[in-house]
């Protein structure tokens, strides 16, 4: 995973990208991992951890009635956080960590959403293992997805003024 964080850090710095995350399943682990990237204070806009469905609806614009373990939810969370944090790239995590099924979904059913200024999509993962393994694998896959999509993005351009860093 270190290679993917390093690549994401390099791309974000070189291209002036602003990166964000939205998390349900991973409860802040993804933001913690992304924030450990080199010079993250220059490119990591932040993250939103929204575990309760009503918070996802209010803060990130999840359409009421959307299955919280679905491609639609993952995409909506990514769009919501991308817009809220004025990011060029956002990845979201949602799903069932286990050990038991939830909402008719087996444990290990995970959706990663992604959103850029021009595109939105998702990846479905069917993971095995205990909850800790599911969460670790989800974070690793989300970081790889961020690095992959950062490869295709160009500099943000003059649409925003330089930001103060922490």
C-alpha atoms as a PDB file:
ATOM      1  CA  UNK A   1       0.000   0.000   0.000  1.00  0.00           C
ATOM      2  CA  UNK A   2       2.926   2.326   0.660  1.00  0.00           C
ATOM      3  CA  UNK A   3       3.713   2.441  -3.059  1.00  0.00           C
ATOM      4  CA  UNK A   4       0.169   3.583  -3.852  1.00  0.00           C
ATOM      5  CA  UNK A   5       0.248   6.308  -1.179  1.00  0.00           C
ATOM      6  CA  UNK A   6       3.595   7.514  -2.498  1.00  0.00           C
ATOM      7  CA  UNK A   7       2.272   7.559  -6.074  1.00  0.00           C
ATOM      8  CA  UNK A   8      -0.891   9.400  -5.009  1.00  0.00           C
ATOM      9  CA  UNK A   9       1.203  11.947  -3.077  1.00  0.00           C
ATOM     10  CA  UNK A  10       3.511  12.517  -6.047  1.00  0.00           C
ATOM     11  CA  UNK A  11       0.662  12.901  -8.540  1.00  0.00           C
ATOM     12  CA  UNK A  12      -1.352  15.202  -6.304  1.00  0.00           C
ATOM     13  CA  UNK A  13       1.634  17.480  -5.687  1.00  0.00           C
ATOM     14  CA  UNK A  14       2.835  17.499  -9.309  1.00  0.00           C
ATOM     15  CA  UNK A  15      -0.620  18.200 -10.712  1.00  0.00           C
ATOM     16  CA  UNK A  16      -1.993  20.439  -8.002  1.00  0.00           C
ATOM     17  CA  UNK A  17      -4.808  18.014  -7.256  1.00  0.00           C
ATOM     18  CA  UNK A  18      -7.083  18.204  -4.278  1.00  0.00           C
ATOM     19  CA  UNK A  19      -8.067  14.777  -2.915  1.00  0.00           C
ATOM     20  CA  UNK A  20     -10.911  13.834  -0.549  1.00  0.00           C
ATOM     21  CA  UNK A  21     -12.542  10.747   0.917  1.00  0.00           C
ATOM     22  CA  UNK A  22     -16.008   9.808   2.190  1.00  0.00           C
ATOM     23  CA  UNK A  23     -16.240   6.899   4.583  1.00  0.00           C
ATOM     24  CA  UNK A  24     -18.910   4.782   6.107  1.00  0.00           C
ATOM     25  CA  UNK A  25     -17.538   1.252   6.375  1.00  0.00           C
ATOM     26  CA  UNK A  26     -13.960   2.284   7.169  1.00  0.00           C
ATOM     27  CA  UNK A  27     -14.838   4.851   9.861  1.00  0.00           C
ATOM     28  CA  UNK A  28     -11.879   7.162   9.257  1.00  0.00           C
ATOM     29  CA  UNK A  29      -9.199   4.576   8.483  1.00  0.00           C
ATOM     30  CA  UNK A  30      -8.999   5.681   4.858  1.00  0.00           C
ATOM     31  CA  UNK A  31      -8.556   9.347   5.789  1.00  0.00           C
ATOM     32  CA  UNK A  32      -5.881   8.361   8.280  1.00  0.00           C
ATOM     33  CA  UNK A  33      -4.044   6.391   5.609  1.00  0.00           C
ATOM     34  CA  UNK A  34      -4.331   9.062   2.915  1.00  0.00           C
ATOM     35  CA  UNK A  35      -3.336  11.753   5.399  1.00  0.00           C
ATOM     36  CA  UNK A  36      -0.084   9.908   6.028  1.00  0.00           C
ATOM     37  CA  UNK A  37       1.007  10.627   2.450  1.00  0.00           C
ATOM     38  CA  UNK A  38       3.978  12.903   1.837  1.00  0.00           C
ATOM     39  CA  UNK A  39       3.033  16.580   2.079  1.00  0.00           C
ATOM     40  CA  UNK A  40      -0.637  15.671   2.529  1.00  0.00           C
ATOM     41  CA  UNK A  41      -1.268  19.143   3.945  1.00  0.00           C
ATOM     42  CA  UNK A  42      -0.733  20.438   0.389  1.00  0.00           C
ATOM     43  CA  UNK A  43      -3.227  18.165  -1.403  1.00  0.00           C
ATOM     44  CA  UNK A  44      -5.494  16.230   0.994  1.00  0.00           C
ATOM     45  CA  UNK A  45      -8.657  18.305   1.430  1.00  0.00           C
ATOM     46  CA  UNK A  46      -9.983  15.931   4.080  1.00  0.00           C
ATOM     47  CA  UNK A  47     -12.679  13.387   4.604  1.00  0.00           C
ATOM     48  CA  UNK A  48     -16.183  12.894   5.854  1.00  0.00           C
ATOM     49  CA  UNK A  49     -17.033   9.938   8.078  1.00  0.00           C
ATOM     50  CA  UNK A  50     -20.781   9.401   7.870  1.00  0.00           C
ATOM     51  CA  UNK A  51     -21.941   6.161   9.439  1.00  0.00           C
ATOM     52  CA  UNK A  52     -25.632   6.868  10.019  1.00  0.00           C
ATOM     53  CA  UNK A  53     -27.865   6.978   6.951  1.00  0.00           C
ATOM     54  CA  UNK A  54     -29.539  10.258   7.938  1.00  0.00           C
ATOM     55  CA  UNK A  55     -26.093  11.904   8.181  1.00  0.00           C
ATOM     56  CA  UNK A  56     -25.190  10.583   4.726  1.00  0.00           C
ATOM     57  CA  UNK A  57     -28.421  12.124   3.440  1.00  0.00           C
ATOM     58  CA  UNK A  58     -27.993  15.510   5.157  1.00  0.00           C
ATOM     59  CA  UNK A  59     -24.264  16.027   4.725  1.00  0.00           C
ATOM     60  CA  UNK A  60     -23.404  14.172   1.527  1.00  0.00           C
ATOM     61  CA  UNK A  61     -26.677  14.257  -0.397  1.00  0.00           C
ATOM     62  CA  UNK A  62     -27.520  10.558  -0.341  1.00  0.00           C
ATOM     63  CA  UNK A  63     -30.968  10.142  -1.865  1.00  0.00           C
ATOM     64  CA  UNK A  64     -33.368   8.867   0.819  1.00  0.00           C
ATOM     65  CA  UNK A  65     -34.210   5.215   0.330  1.00  0.00           C
ATOM     66  CA  UNK A  66     -30.880   4.363  -1.313  1.00  0.00           C
ATOM     67  CA  UNK A  67     -29.500   1.036  -0.105  1.00  0.00           C
ATOM     68  CA  UNK A  68     -26.461   1.937   2.055  1.00  0.00           C
ATOM     69  CA  UNK A  69     -24.645  -1.115   0.681  1.00  0.00           C
ATOM     70  CA  UNK A  70     -24.881  -0.361  -3.027  1.00  0.00           C
ATOM     71  CA  UNK A  71     -23.090   1.108  -6.007  1.00  0.00           C
ATOM     72  CA  UNK A  72     -25.542   4.013  -6.018  1.00  0.00           C
ATOM     73  CA  UNK A  73     -24.721   4.858  -2.405  1.00  0.00           C
ATOM     74  CA  UNK A  74     -20.965   4.679  -3.003  1.00  0.00           C
ATOM     75  CA  UNK A  75     -21.199   6.985  -6.004  1.00  0.00           C
ATOM     76  CA  UNK A  76     -23.449   9.482  -4.231  1.00  0.00           C
ATOM     77  CA  UNK A  77     -21.106   9.623  -1.219  1.00  0.00           C
ATOM     78  CA  UNK A  78     -18.125  10.261  -3.492  1.00  0.00           C
ATOM     79  CA  UNK A  79     -19.954  13.037  -5.352  1.00  0.00           C
ATOM     80  CA  UNK A  80     -21.173  14.604  -2.121  1.00  0.00           C
ATOM     81  CA  UNK A  81     -17.739  14.722  -0.501  1.00  0.00           C
ATOM     82  CA  UNK A  82     -16.079  15.841  -3.747  1.00  0.00           C
ATOM     83  CA  UNK A  83     -18.440  18.796  -3.911  1.00  0.00           C
ATOM     84  CA  UNK A  84     -18.410  19.566  -0.182  1.00  0.00           C
ATOM     85  CA  UNK A  85     -14.606  19.627  -0.040  1.00  0.00           C
ATOM     86  CA  UNK A  86     -14.074  21.172  -3.492  1.00  0.00           C
ATOM     87  CA  UNK A  87     -11.908  18.222  -4.506  1.00  0.00           C
ATOM     88  CA  UNK A  88     -10.652  17.034  -7.869  1.00  0.00           C
ATOM     89  CA  UNK A  89     -10.897  13.400  -6.812  1.00  0.00           C
ATOM     90  CA  UNK A  90     -12.853  11.606  -4.117  1.00  0.00           C
ATOM     91  CA  UNK A  91     -13.198   7.945  -3.202  1.00  0.00           C
ATOM     92  CA  UNK A  92     -15.855   6.577  -0.849  1.00  0.00           C
ATOM     93  CA  UNK A  93     -16.273   3.346   1.101  1.00  0.00           C
ATOM     94  CA  UNK A  94     -19.499   1.598   2.091  1.00  0.00           C
ATOM     95  CA  UNK A  95     -20.555  -1.964   2.726  1.00  0.00           C
ATOM     96  CA  UNK A  96     -20.777  -4.771   5.254  1.00  0.00           C
ATOM     97  CA  UNK A  97     -17.645  -5.483   7.256  1.00  0.00           C
ATOM     98  CA  UNK A  98     -19.099  -8.457   9.089  1.00  0.00           C
ATOM     99  CA  UNK A  99     -18.973 -10.777  10.798  1.00  0.00           C
ATOM    100  CA  UNK A 100     -22.708 -11.050  10.141  1.00  0.00           C
ATOM    101  CA  UNK A 101     -24.805 -10.190   7.091  1.00  0.00           C
ATOM    102  CA  UNK A 102     -26.577  -6.823   7.116  1.00  0.00           C
ATOM    103  CA  UNK A 103     -29.553  -5.633   5.107  1.00  0.00           C
ATOM    104  CA  UNK A 104     -29.553  -8.830   3.074  1.00  0.00           C
ATOM    105  CA  UNK A 105     -25.911  -8.379   2.079  1.00  0.00           C
ATOM    106  CA  UNK A 106     -23.277 -10.957   3.042  1.00  0.00           C
ATOM    107  CA  UNK A 107     -20.271  -9.848   5.078  1.00  0.00           C
ATOM    108  CA  UNK A 108     -17.459  -8.615   2.876  1.00  0.00           C
ATOM    109  CA  UNK A 109     -19.784  -6.929   0.369  1.00  0.00           C
ATOM    110  CA  UNK A 110     -18.049  -3.598  -0.228  1.00  0.00           C
ATOM    111  CA  UNK A 111     -18.546  -0.764  -2.689  1.00  0.00           C
ATOM    112  CA  UNK A 112     -15.970   1.885  -3.471  1.00  0.00           C
ATOM    113  CA  UNK A 113     -17.273   4.983  -5.206  1.00  0.00           C
ATOM    114  CA  UNK A 114     -15.178   7.538  -7.041  1.00  0.00           C
ATOM    115  CA  UNK A 115     -15.850  10.964  -8.450  1.00  0.00           C
ATOM    116  CA  UNK A 116     -13.766  13.391 -10.494  1.00  0.00           C
ATOM    117  CA  UNK A 117     -14.953  16.622 -12.112  1.00  0.00           C
ATOM    118  CA  UNK A 118     -15.901  14.703 -15.259  1.00  0.00           C
ATOM    119  CA  UNK A 119     -16.771  11.152 -14.219  1.00  0.00           C
ATOM    120  CA  UNK A 120     -18.296   8.995 -11.504  1.00  0.00           C
ATOM    121  CA  UNK A 121     -18.132   5.262 -10.958  1.00  0.00           C
ATOM    122  CA  UNK A 122     -17.771   2.418  -8.529  1.00  0.00           C
ATOM    123  CA  UNK A 123     -16.087  -0.898  -7.823  1.00  0.00           C
ATOM    124  CA  UNK A 124     -17.741  -3.799  -6.063  1.00  0.00           C
ATOM    125  CA  UNK A 125     -15.575  -5.986  -3.855  1.00  0.00           C
ATOM    126  CA  UNK A 126     -16.541  -9.397  -2.472  1.00  0.00           C
ATOM    127  CA  UNK A 127     -14.069  -9.814   0.387  1.00  0.00           C
ATOM    128  CA  UNK A 128     -13.436 -12.677   2.757  1.00  0.00           C
ATOM    129  CA  UNK A 129     -11.999 -12.726   6.231  1.00  0.00           C
ATOM    130  CA  UNK A 130     -12.855 -11.329   9.611  1.00  0.00           C
ATOM    131  CA  UNK A 131     -14.014  -7.701   9.955  1.00  0.00           C
ATOM    132  CA  UNK A 132     -10.470  -6.439  10.540  1.00  0.00           C
ATOM    133  CA  UNK A 133      -9.276  -8.078   7.314  1.00  0.00           C
ATOM    134  CA  UNK A 134     -12.250  -6.708   5.367  1.00  0.00           C
ATOM    135  CA  UNK A 135     -11.521  -3.163   6.572  1.00  0.00           C
ATOM    136  CA  UNK A 136      -7.793  -3.401   5.854  1.00  0.00           C
ATOM    137  CA  UNK A 137      -8.405  -4.762   2.357  1.00  0.00           C
ATOM    138  CA  UNK A 138     -11.022  -2.069   1.709  1.00  0.00           C
ATOM    139  CA  UNK A 139      -8.606   0.728   2.664  1.00  0.00           C
ATOM    140  CA  UNK A 140      -5.887  -0.770   0.486  1.00  0.00           C
ATOM    141  CA  UNK A 141      -8.250  -1.052  -2.492  1.00  0.00           C
ATOM    142  CA  UNK A 142      -9.484   2.523  -1.961  1.00  0.00           C
ATOM    143  CA  UNK A 143      -5.926   3.902  -1.927  1.00  0.00           C
ATOM    144  CA  UNK A 144      -5.153   1.990  -5.148  1.00  0.00           C
ATOM    145  CA  UNK A 145      -8.320   3.448  -6.692  1.00  0.00           C
ATOM    146  CA  UNK A 146      -7.291   6.984  -5.696  1.00  0.00           C
ATOM    147  CA  UNK A 147      -3.839   6.540  -7.238  1.00  0.00           C
ATOM    148  CA  UNK A 148      -5.350   5.028 -10.396  1.00  0.00           C
ATOM    149  CA  UNK A 149      -7.762   7.923 -10.948  1.00  0.00           C
ATOM    150  CA  UNK A 150      -5.161  10.542 -10.042  1.00  0.00           C
ATOM    151  CA  UNK A 151      -3.136   9.222 -12.993  1.00  0.00           C
ATOM    152  CA  UNK A 152      -5.810  10.464 -15.381  1.00  0.00           C
ATOM    153  CA  UNK A 153      -6.317  13.913 -13.891  1.00  0.00           C
ATOM    154  CA  UNK A 154      -4.596  17.088 -14.994  1.00  0.00           C
ATOM    155  CA  UNK A 155      -3.854  20.164 -12.913  1.00  0.00           C
ATOM    156  CA  UNK A 156      -6.891  21.836 -11.427  1.00  0.00           C
ATOM    157  CA  UNK A 157      -6.146  25.169 -13.065  1.00  0.00           C
ATOM    158  CA  UNK A 158      -7.051  28.621 -11.770  1.00  0.00           C
ATOM    159  CA  UNK A 159     -10.564  27.843 -10.483  1.00  0.00           C
ATOM    160  CA  UNK A 160      -9.561  28.196  -6.847  1.00  0.00           C
ATOM    161  CA  UNK A 161      -7.160  30.434  -5.018  1.00  0.00           C
ATOM    162  CA  UNK A 162      -4.178  29.036  -3.144  1.00  0.00           C
ATOM    163  CA  UNK A 163      -5.222  27.504   0.180  1.00  0.00           C
ATOM    164  CA  UNK A 164      -3.657  27.931   3.553  1.00  0.00           C
ATOM    165  CA  UNK A 165      -2.252  24.668   4.877  1.00  0.00           C
ATOM    166  CA  UNK A 166      -2.269  23.450   8.422  1.00  0.00           C
END
